[in-house]
Amino acid sequence: MKKNKKTPEVHVLLDVTDGQENAPDTSGEIVILPDSDWGREKEVSRDSEPTEVVIPEDGQTEGPTAPPSVNIEPEDSLEDVSEEIGDIQGDTASPAEDSEEPAVTVVESAAAEDDETAEKAPTLSRVRVSPAPFLRTSDRTSSLMLDVIIALLPAYLWGIYTFGTRVLTVGVVCIGCCVLFEALMQLILRRPVTIFDLSAVVTGLLLTMGFSSAVPIWMPIVGAFVSIVIVKGLFGGLGRNLLNPALAARVLLLVWPSQLHIFTAPGERLTGIGLTDVVSVTTPLDALHSGTFPRVMLSDLILGKTAGCIGEIFPILLLAGGIYLLARRVITWHIPVAFIATVACLTFFFPQIEGSALNFMLCELFSGGLLLGAIFMATDPVTSPTTTYGRLLFGVGCGVLTVLFRYFGYFAEGMPFAILVMNLLVWVIDRVVVPTPFGGKISHGKS
């Protein structure tokens, strides 16, 4: 709106106390500055009355004058204050200007002990408020990511021991490409380079855990590009992605299932980058999907002596990593327990194979990437709910969808699809499951 110089203005001076003690309370005083030039307001100290340099129509400064003021009492209503402002405004306006609407602006005045420090006093324009929840903690992103890496390392080292040094090669390619793609994208977009927060390293390590030791080396490169550039970078970077980056890349790579699902027998150690003739074997989860029990003992299934992905074959080490994250308070128990318990209940009461329901349930729990997903992927704080009940609901949903995808899906593993679907429903869960207000629930009982 174009400013009319003849229109009297009402400038409201606000005092910012900044939480200092022994400061006089001037926040209840509204000062009317008639016919002032915007931008020429003089800062008001705590020890003096507000003054204003009034500029007449001829442009000459007459000096500071004490403008009329309105004292607000606690019992005054908004209508009373508006009426007093209108009276003063009417006194200062000319008869020809009575029909024009007054312009009201807010002046942010600094609060300081004396005039020398007035310029350094905080103003409202310098106050920065971050979104809730407000937490005070010494943890940093790098320290949290380091805990996740420590929790994943035992299972990854077991994969190297079981399948050979090619697992180390796949891990180096995944992690290196994730770090490289993140640095390049941030440099291109002129964003701060955050590769030292270790989030890209965690993404690369989780991506590695979902591959087999015989995966073609170009697939980790494509997976790193999808997870860092597309899923994470294009949505704004760390903390803004809607999906788990490692799982989204793994699902996208399923367009080449014949090359992604090449599994070697435990003890068949591969080396180098390239592959020679590799004989693919059936995993326990493939056997369950085809309607038969695995041809391995349950003890071998628990102790990591079966075929499968690099980081999914030793459930004991994955559970130990989850206990470590719980002890470090990196994750909470709600999502993993709800996830695993839901799968256990559904597979026990609704087994797909005739025989022992308990044996079928244990095979479903310790086969595939269920534990890896429940402990390390579904608990991603960015793509999971923020409330306790929301996390429980999220875990139950992941468990139900995992069983449905395993029973009726085309692929044997349903964990990645289940978590990604629930990632897309997190905003719905956060809207439905409203957190309890501070102070407890509000009682609506009759008086």
Protein backbone atom coordinates (compact mmCIF):
# COMPACT_ATOMS: atom_id res chain seq x y z
CA MET A 1 0.00 0.00 0.00
CA LYS A 2 1.32 3.41 -0.94
CA LYS A 3 2.08 5.55 2.07
CA ASN A 4 0.30 8.88 2.33
CA LYS A 5 2.42 11.46 4.11
CA LYS A 6 -0.69 13.32 5.27
CA THR A 7 -2.04 10.23 6.98
CA PRO A 8 -1.23 10.36 10.71
CA GLU A 9 0.52 7.26 11.90
CA VAL A 10 0.35 5.41 15.17
CA HIS A 11 3.67 3.84 16.12
CA VAL A 12 3.54 1.32 18.96
CA LEU A 13 6.84 1.03 20.85
CA LEU A 14 7.48 -2.41 22.33
CA ASP A 15 10.02 -2.89 25.11
CA VAL A 16 12.16 -6.05 25.00
CA THR A 17 13.29 -6.90 28.54
CA ASP A 18 15.35 -9.95 27.45
CA GLY A 19 14.73 -11.60 30.80
CA GLN A 20 16.95 -9.16 32.77
CA GLU A 21 16.15 -8.62 36.42
CA ASN A 22 15.55 -5.27 38.15
CA ALA A 23 14.37 -3.77 34.87
CA PRO A 24 11.37 -1.41 35.03
CA ASP A 25 8.23 -2.75 33.44
CA THR A 26 7.57 -0.61 30.39
CA SER A 27 5.92 -3.30 28.28
CA GLY A 28 2.47 -1.94 29.12
CA GLU A 29 3.05 1.53 27.66
CA ILE A 30 1.89 2.40 24.16
CA VAL A 31 3.41 5.58 22.81
CA ILE A 32 1.61 7.46 20.05
CA LEU A 33 3.92 9.10 17.55
CA PRO A 34 1.81 11.40 15.38
CA ASP A 35 3.03 12.35 11.94
CA SER A 36 6.50 10.80 12.35
CA ASP A 37 8.87 9.72 9.68
CA TRP A 38 9.16 5.92 9.63
CA GLY A 39 12.69 4.71 10.23
CA ARG A 40 13.71 7.72 12.34
CA GLU A 41 12.45 6.39 15.69
CA LYS A 42 14.94 6.88 18.47
CA GLU A 43 15.77 3.86 20.62
CA VAL A 44 14.36 4.07 24.13
CA SER A 45 16.40 3.07 27.18
CA ARG A 46 14.95 1.63 30.35
CA ASP A 47 15.83 4.66 32.46
CA SER A 48 14.23 7.31 30.27
CA GLU A 49 10.87 8.10 28.84
CA PRO A 50 10.35 7.30 25.13
CA THR A 51 11.11 10.26 22.91
CA GLU A 52 10.73 10.84 19.25
CA VAL A 53 12.25 13.18 16.71
CA VAL A 54 9.23 14.76 15.04
CA ILE A 55 9.77 15.93 11.48
CA PRO A 56 7.30 18.62 10.36
CA GLU A 57 6.10 18.97 6.82
CA ASP A 58 8.89 21.45 5.99
CA GLY A 59 11.48 18.73 6.70
CA GLN A 60 13.26 20.63 9.54
CA THR A 61 13.85 18.80 12.78
CA GLU A 62 12.47 20.66 15.78
CA GLY A 63 14.02 18.43 18.42
CA PRO A 64 12.78 15.70 20.74
CA THR A 65 9.30 16.05 22.11
CA ALA A 66 7.35 13.91 24.53
CA PRO A 67 4.53 12.30 22.60
CA PRO A 68 1.18 11.57 24.22
CA SER A 69 0.99 8.15 25.81
CA VAL A 70 -1.63 5.65 26.83
CA ASN A 71 -1.11 3.76 30.07
CA ILE A 72 -2.57 0.27 29.95
CA GLU A 73 -3.90 -1.12 33.20
CA PRO A 74 -4.35 -4.89 33.73
CA GLU A 75 -8.14 -4.56 33.89
CA ASP A 76 -8.37 -2.55 30.64
CA SER A 77 -9.94 -4.31 27.70
CA LEU A 78 -8.87 -4.13 24.10
CA GLU A 79 -11.86 -1.91 23.28
CA ASP A 80 -10.83 0.62 25.98
CA VAL A 81 -7.28 0.83 24.66
CA SER A 82 -8.51 1.21 21.08
CA GLU A 83 -10.88 3.99 22.14
CA GLU A 84 -8.09 5.93 23.90
CA ILE A 85 -5.83 5.56 20.87
CA GLY A 86 -8.65 6.81 18.67
CA ASP A 87 -9.19 9.84 20.88
CA ILE A 88 -5.52 10.84 20.74
CA GLN A 89 -5.43 10.12 17.03
CA GLY A 90 -8.41 12.40 16.55
CA ASP A 91 -6.73 15.17 18.53
CA THR A 92 -3.60 15.06 16.37
CA ALA A 93 -5.36 14.80 13.00
CA SER A 94 -6.48 17.76 10.93
CA PRO A 95 -10.19 18.20 10.04
CA ALA A 96 -9.51 17.26 6.44
CA GLU A 97 -7.85 14.03 7.47
CA ASP A 98 -10.54 12.73 9.86
CA SER A 99 -11.97 10.34 7.28
CA GLU A 100 -8.68 8.60 6.58
CA GLU A 101 -7.69 5.39 8.32
CA PRO A 102 -4.66 5.66 10.62
CA ALA A 103 -1.65 3.54 9.75
CA VAL A 104 -0.42 1.43 12.65
CA THR A 105 3.09 0.01 12.72
CA VAL A 106 5.09 -1.76 15.39
CA VAL A 107 8.47 -0.39 16.37
CA GLU A 108 10.91 -2.84 17.96
CA SER A 109 12.72 -0.83 20.59
CA ALA A 110 15.84 -2.15 22.33
CA ALA A 111 16.09 -2.59 26.11
CA ALA A 112 19.46 -1.75 27.67
CA GLU A 113 20.88 -0.50 30.93
CA ASP A 114 22.15 2.75 29.45
CA ASP A 115 22.37 4.60 26.16
CA GLU A 116 25.89 3.31 25.44
CA THR A 117 24.71 -0.33 25.23
CA ALA A 118 21.39 0.40 23.53
CA GLU A 119 22.71 -0.54 20.10
CA LYS A 120 23.89 -3.93 21.36
CA ALA A 121 20.61 -4.80 23.08
CA PRO A 122 18.64 -7.71 21.56
CA THR A 123 15.65 -6.87 19.43
CA LEU A 124 12.73 -8.96 18.28
CA SER A 125 14.17 -9.16 14.80
CA ARG A 126 17.23 -10.97 16.19
CA VAL A 127 15.30 -13.62 18.10
CA ARG A 128 15.37 -17.00 16.40
CA VAL A 129 12.84 -19.62 17.44
CA SER A 130 13.30 -23.23 16.34
CA PRO A 131 10.39 -25.68 16.00
CA ALA A 132 9.41 -27.94 18.89
CA PRO A 133 10.26 -30.22 20.60
CA PHE A 134 12.88 -28.30 22.56
CA LEU A 135 15.56 -30.63 23.91
CA ARG A 136 18.74 -29.89 25.83
CA THR A 137 21.37 -32.51 25.12
CA SER A 138 25.07 -32.74 24.48
CA ASP A 139 24.55 -35.28 21.68
CA ARG A 140 25.37 -34.29 18.14
CA THR A 141 24.46 -35.88 14.83
CA SER A 142 27.98 -37.24 14.49
CA SER A 143 27.90 -38.88 17.94
CA LEU A 144 24.53 -40.51 17.25
CA MET A 145 25.67 -41.78 13.87
CA LEU A 146 28.88 -43.11 15.42
CA ASP A 147 26.80 -45.16 17.85
CA VAL A 148 24.83 -46.65 14.95
CA ILE A 149 28.08 -47.54 13.17
CA ILE A 150 29.43 -49.22 16.30
CA ALA A 151 26.20 -51.20 16.64
CA LEU A 152 26.35 -52.38 13.00
CA LEU A 153 30.04 -53.26 12.88
CA PRO A 154 29.87 -56.72 14.56
CA ALA A 155 27.31 -58.01 12.06
CA TYR A 156 29.27 -56.48 9.18
CA LEU A 157 32.55 -58.04 10.34
CA TRP A 158 30.80 -61.39 10.59
CA GLY A 159 29.70 -60.97 6.99
CA ILE A 160 33.33 -60.42 5.97
CA TYR A 161 34.36 -63.56 7.85
CA THR A 162 31.57 -65.66 6.34
CA PHE A 163 31.57 -64.48 2.72
CA GLY A 164 35.11 -63.21 2.17
CA THR A 165 36.90 -59.95 1.56
CA ARG A 166 34.63 -58.99 -1.30
CA VAL A 167 32.19 -57.89 1.37
CA LEU A 168 34.80 -55.33 2.41
CA THR A 169 35.03 -54.15 -1.19
CA VAL A 170 31.26 -53.74 -1.46
CA GLY A 171 31.24 -51.78 1.79
CA VAL A 172 34.03 -49.44 0.72
CA VAL A 173 32.27 -48.74 -2.59
CA CYS A 174 28.91 -48.09 -0.91
CA ILE A 175 30.24 -45.84 1.84
CA GLY A 176 32.71 -44.04 -0.41
CA CYS A 177 30.09 -43.29 -3.06
CA CYS A 178 27.56 -42.10 -0.49
CA VAL A 179 30.08 -39.66 1.01
CA LEU A 180 31.24 -38.51 -2.43
CA PHE A 181 27.72 -37.96 -3.79
CA GLU A 182 26.68 -36.02 -0.69
CA ALA A 183 29.74 -33.74 -0.86
CA LEU A 184 29.31 -33.10 -4.59
CA MET A 185 25.62 -32.34 -4.31
CA GLN A 186 26.12 -29.93 -1.43
CA LEU A 187 28.90 -28.14 -3.31
CA ILE A 188 26.77 -27.87 -6.46
CA LEU A 189 23.78 -26.53 -4.53
CA ARG A 190 26.05 -24.26 -2.46
CA ARG A 191 25.03 -25.82 0.81
CA PRO A 192 27.30 -26.45 3.79
CA VAL A 193 29.22 -29.71 3.37
CA THR A 194 28.10 -32.04 6.17
CA ILE A 195 29.93 -35.26 5.34
CA PHE A 196 31.62 -35.23 8.75
CA ASP A 197 28.32 -35.80 10.56
CA LEU A 198 28.67 -39.47 9.46
CA SER A 199 25.07 -39.70 8.21
CA ALA A 200 26.27 -40.63 4.71
CA VAL A 201 28.52 -43.30 6.23
CA VAL A 202 25.54 -44.84 8.05
CA THR A 203 23.50 -44.81 4.84
CA GLY A 204 26.30 -46.53 2.95
CA LEU A 205 26.75 -49.13 5.68
CA LEU A 206 23.03 -49.93 5.83
CA LEU A 207 22.98 -50.19 2.05
CA THR A 208 25.89 -52.63 2.23
CA MET A 209 24.12 -54.80 4.79
CA GLY A 210 21.24 -55.35 2.38
CA PHE A 211 23.43 -56.62 -0.48
CA SER A 212 24.77 -60.09 -1.05
CA SER A 213 28.48 -60.73 -1.34
CA ALA A 214 28.07 -61.57 -5.05
CA VAL A 215 26.32 -58.36 -6.05
CA PRO A 216 27.72 -56.68 -9.21
CA ILE A 217 29.87 -53.73 -8.22
CA TRP A 218 27.85 -51.23 -10.25
CA MET A 219 24.75 -51.84 -8.15
CA PRO A 220 26.23 -50.31 -4.95
CA ILE A 221 27.17 -47.22 -7.00
CA VAL A 222 23.63 -46.85 -8.35
CA GLY A 223 22.20 -47.52 -4.91
CA ALA A 224 24.38 -44.83 -3.34
CA PHE A 225 23.30 -42.31 -5.97
CA VAL A 226 19.61 -43.07 -5.44
CA SER A 227 19.80 -42.97 -1.64
CA ILE A 228 21.89 -39.78 -1.32
CA VAL A 229 20.97 -37.67 -4.34
CA ILE A 230 17.36 -38.61 -5.05
CA VAL A 231 15.85 -39.77 -1.75
CA LYS A 232 17.85 -37.55 0.59
CA GLY A 233 19.35 -34.62 -1.31
CA LEU A 234 16.44 -33.57 -3.49
CA PHE A 235 14.17 -33.38 -0.45
CA GLY A 236 16.47 -30.97 1.38
CA GLY A 237 19.12 -33.16 2.97
CA LEU A 238 19.39 -34.77 6.39
CA GLY A 239 16.24 -34.50 8.42
CA ARG A 240 13.90 -33.74 5.49
CA ASN A 241 13.73 -37.05 3.60
CA LEU A 242 10.36 -38.79 3.59
CA LEU A 243 11.74 -42.31 3.09
CA ASN A 244 14.60 -44.29 4.51
CA PRO A 245 17.36 -43.72 1.90
CA ALA A 246 18.96 -47.18 2.09
CA LEU A 247 15.62 -49.02 1.85
CA ALA A 248 14.38 -46.84 -1.01
CA ALA A 249 17.54 -47.58 -3.01
CA ARG A 250 17.28 -51.29 -2.26
CA VAL A 251 13.69 -51.42 -3.49
CA LEU A 252 14.57 -49.50 -6.66
CA LEU A 253 17.35 -51.96 -7.42
CA LEU A 254 14.77 -54.77 -7.43
CA VAL A 255 14.17 -53.93 -11.08
CA TRP A 256 17.21 -56.20 -11.57
CA PRO A 257 16.20 -59.09 -9.28
CA SER A 258 18.29 -61.73 -11.01
CA GLN A 259 21.49 -59.80 -10.32
CA LEU A 260 20.50 -58.55 -6.88
CA HIS A 261 19.51 -61.96 -5.51
CA ILE A 262 22.70 -63.95 -6.05
CA PHE A 263 23.51 -65.62 -2.74
CA THR A 264 26.55 -67.73 -1.97
CA ALA A 265 26.73 -70.52 0.57
CA PRO A 266 28.27 -69.70 3.97
CA GLY A 267 32.00 -70.40 3.89
CA GLU A 268 32.27 -69.71 0.14
CA ARG A 269 34.48 -66.66 0.39
CA LEU A 270 34.74 -64.31 -2.57
CA THR A 271 37.60 -61.89 -3.21
CA GLY A 272 38.34 -58.96 -5.50
CA ILE A 273 35.94 -56.75 -7.41
CA GLY A 274 34.93 -58.84 -10.40
CA LEU A 275 33.05 -62.13 -10.27
CA THR A 276 33.76 -65.49 -11.78
CA ASP A 277 31.22 -68.30 -11.93
CA VAL A 278 29.13 -68.08 -8.76
CA VAL A 279 26.55 -70.71 -7.87
CA SER A 280 23.54 -69.11 -6.23
CA VAL A 281 21.90 -71.01 -3.38
CA THR A 282 18.48 -70.78 -1.76
CA THR A 283 18.15 -68.74 1.39
CA PRO A 284 15.98 -69.82 4.33
CA LEU A 285 13.51 -67.02 3.51
CA ASP A 286 13.21 -68.27 -0.08
CA ALA A 287 12.36 -71.72 1.25
CA LEU A 288 9.66 -70.33 3.52
CA HIS A 289 8.23 -68.31 0.65
CA SER A 290 8.00 -71.45 -1.49
CA GLY A 291 6.09 -73.30 1.23
CA THR A 292 8.78 -75.49 2.81
CA PHE A 293 10.89 -75.28 5.92
CA PRO A 294 14.58 -74.36 5.44
CA ARG A 295 17.04 -77.24 5.18
CA VAL A 296 19.11 -75.87 8.00
CA MET A 297 18.90 -76.32 11.72
CA LEU A 298 17.37 -73.58 13.79
CA SER A 299 20.67 -73.18 15.67
CA ASP A 300 22.49 -72.50 12.38
CA LEU A 301 19.83 -69.95 11.51
CA ILE A 302 20.39 -68.12 14.79
CA LEU A 303 24.19 -68.33 14.75
CA GLY A 304 24.68 -66.97 11.23
CA LYS A 305 25.59 -70.16 9.35
CA THR A 306 23.18 -69.70 6.45
CA ALA A 307 23.06 -67.99 3.07
CA GLY A 308 21.66 -64.50 2.83
CA CYS A 309 22.54 -60.83 2.70
CA ILE A 310 25.72 -59.51 4.28
CA GLY A 311 24.22 -58.02 7.41
CA GLU A 312 21.17 -60.23 7.92
CA ILE A 313 22.56 -63.66 8.68
CA PHE A 314 23.57 -63.33 12.36
CA PRO A 315 20.51 -62.36 14.44
CA ILE A 316 22.41 -62.51 17.74
CA LEU A 317 24.79 -59.75 16.70
CA LEU A 318 21.92 -57.62 15.41
CA LEU A 319 20.11 -57.97 18.73
CA ALA A 320 23.32 -57.08 20.57
CA GLY A 321 23.60 -53.94 18.44
CA GLY A 322 20.01 -53.05 19.27
CA ILE A 323 20.69 -53.43 23.00
CA TYR A 324 23.69 -51.14 22.63
CA LEU A 325 21.57 -48.46 20.92
CA LEU A 326 18.95 -48.76 23.66
CA ALA A 327 21.60 -48.39 26.35
CA ARG A 328 22.97 -45.32 24.58
CA ARG A 329 19.42 -43.96 24.19
CA VAL A 330 19.84 -43.59 20.47
CA ILE A 331 16.58 -45.47 19.86
CA THR A 332 13.59 -46.43 22.00
CA TRP A 333 12.10 -49.88 22.41
CA HIS A 334 8.66 -49.04 21.04
CA ILE A 335 9.16 -49.59 17.30
CA PRO A 336 11.42 -52.69 17.42
CA VAL A 337 9.33 -54.47 20.04
CA ALA A 338 6.03 -53.65 18.36
CA PHE A 339 7.45 -54.65 14.97
CA ILE A 340 8.91 -58.00 16.05
CA ALA A 341 6.03 -58.87 18.39
CA THR A 342 3.47 -58.28 15.64
CA VAL A 343 5.33 -60.54 13.21
CA ALA A 344 5.71 -63.19 15.92
CA CYS A 345 1.99 -63.18 16.75
CA LEU A 346 0.78 -63.27 13.15
CA THR A 347 3.18 -66.01 12.06
CA PHE A 348 2.43 -68.12 15.15
CA PHE A 349 -1.34 -67.94 14.91
CA PHE A 350 -1.51 -67.95 11.10
CA PRO A 351 1.35 -70.18 9.84
CA GLN A 352 1.63 -70.79 6.12
CA ILE A 353 3.27 -74.19 6.43
CA GLU A 354 1.77 -77.21 8.12
CA GLY A 355 3.73 -78.40 11.11
CA SER A 356 5.03 -76.72 14.20
CA ALA A 357 3.68 -73.18 14.49
CA LEU A 358 6.50 -72.28 16.88
CA ASN A 359 9.15 -73.50 14.46
CA PHE A 360 7.53 -71.54 11.63
CA MET A 361 7.43 -68.39 13.75
CA LEU A 362 11.11 -68.66 14.73
CA CYS A 363 12.14 -69.25 11.12
CA GLU A 364 10.22 -66.15 10.05
CA LEU A 365 11.80 -64.05 12.79
CA PHE A 366 15.41 -65.11 12.18
CA SER A 367 15.28 -65.26 8.36
CA GLY A 368 15.82 -62.33 6.05
CA GLY A 369 16.20 -58.75 7.15
CA LEU A 370 13.45 -58.51 9.75
CA LEU A 371 15.75 -57.77 12.69
CA LEU A 372 17.96 -55.45 10.66
CA GLY A 373 14.95 -53.45 9.54
CA ALA A 374 13.18 -53.40 12.90
CA ILE A 375 16.22 -52.26 14.88
CA PHE A 376 18.22 -50.08 12.50
CA MET A 377 15.88 -48.85 9.74
CA ALA A 378 12.38 -48.50 11.15
CA THR A 379 13.80 -46.53 14.10
CA ASP A 380 15.19 -43.78 11.88
CA PRO A 381 14.11 -40.62 13.78
CA VAL A 382 13.54 -38.68 10.55
CA THR A 383 11.07 -41.15 9.02
CA SER A 384 9.30 -42.41 12.16
CA PRO A 385 6.68 -40.84 14.47
CA THR A 386 7.64 -38.59 17.36
CA THR A 387 5.18 -39.78 20.02
CA THR A 388 5.19 -42.97 22.07
CA TYR A 389 1.81 -44.22 20.88
CA GLY A 390 2.69 -43.19 17.36
CA ARG A 391 5.82 -45.32 17.44
CA LEU A 392 3.89 -48.31 18.74
CA LEU A 393 1.33 -47.89 15.97
CA PHE A 394 4.14 -47.49 13.44
CA GLY A 395 5.80 -50.73 14.61
CA VAL A 396 2.54 -52.67 14.49
CA GLY A 397 1.87 -51.41 10.99
CA CYS A 398 5.34 -52.44 9.84
CA GLY A 399 4.84 -55.91 11.31
CA VAL A 400 1.44 -56.44 9.69
CA LEU A 401 2.63 -55.27 6.28
CA THR A 402 5.80 -57.36 6.49
CA VAL A 403 3.78 -60.54 7.05
CA LEU A 404 1.34 -59.65 4.28
CA PHE A 405 4.13 -58.96 1.79
CA ARG A 406 5.92 -62.17 2.75
CA TYR A 407 2.77 -64.27 2.47
CA PHE A 408 1.24 -62.80 -0.67
CA GLY A 409 3.97 -60.74 -2.34
CA TYR A 410 6.10 -61.60 -5.33
CA PHE A 411 9.40 -61.29 -3.46
CA ALA A 412 10.29 -63.37 -0.44
CA GLU A 413 11.32 -60.37 1.66
CA GLY A 414 8.59 -57.91 2.63
CA MET A 415 10.42 -55.81 5.23
CA PRO A 416 11.64 -53.01 2.89
CA PHE A 417 8.19 -52.48 1.36
CA ALA A 418 6.50 -52.46 4.76
CA ILE A 419 8.79 -49.81 6.25
CA LEU A 420 8.59 -47.57 3.19
CA VAL A 421 4.80 -47.68 3.18
CA MET A 422 4.73 -46.76 6.86
CA ASN A 423 7.24 -43.96 6.22
CA LEU A 424 4.68 -42.38 3.92
CA LEU A 425 2.03 -42.64 6.65
CA VAL A 426 4.06 -41.01 9.41
CA TRP A 427 2.38 -37.62 8.91
CA VAL A 428 -1.02 -39.29 9.31
CA ILE A 429 0.08 -41.00 12.53
CA ASP A 430 1.45 -37.75 13.93
CA ARG A 431 -1.88 -36.05 13.22
CA VAL A 432 -4.02 -38.83 14.70
CA VAL A 433 -1.89 -39.56 17.75
CA VAL A 434 -1.78 -36.15 19.41
CA PRO A 435 0.73 -35.81 22.28
CA THR A 436 -0.53 -35.08 25.79
CA PRO A 437 -0.36 -31.37 26.67
CA PHE A 438 2.14 -30.24 29.24
CA GLY A 439 0.64 -30.74 32.69
CA GLY A 440 -1.37 -33.83 31.82
CA LYS A 441 -4.75 -34.48 30.32
CA ILE A 442 -7.41 -31.83 30.67
CA SER A 443 -10.44 -33.01 32.62
CA HIS A 444 -13.81 -32.25 31.09
CA GLY A 445 -15.89 -33.54 33.98
CA LYS A 446 -18.99 -31.79 35.24
CA SER A 447 -18.46 -29.14 37.88
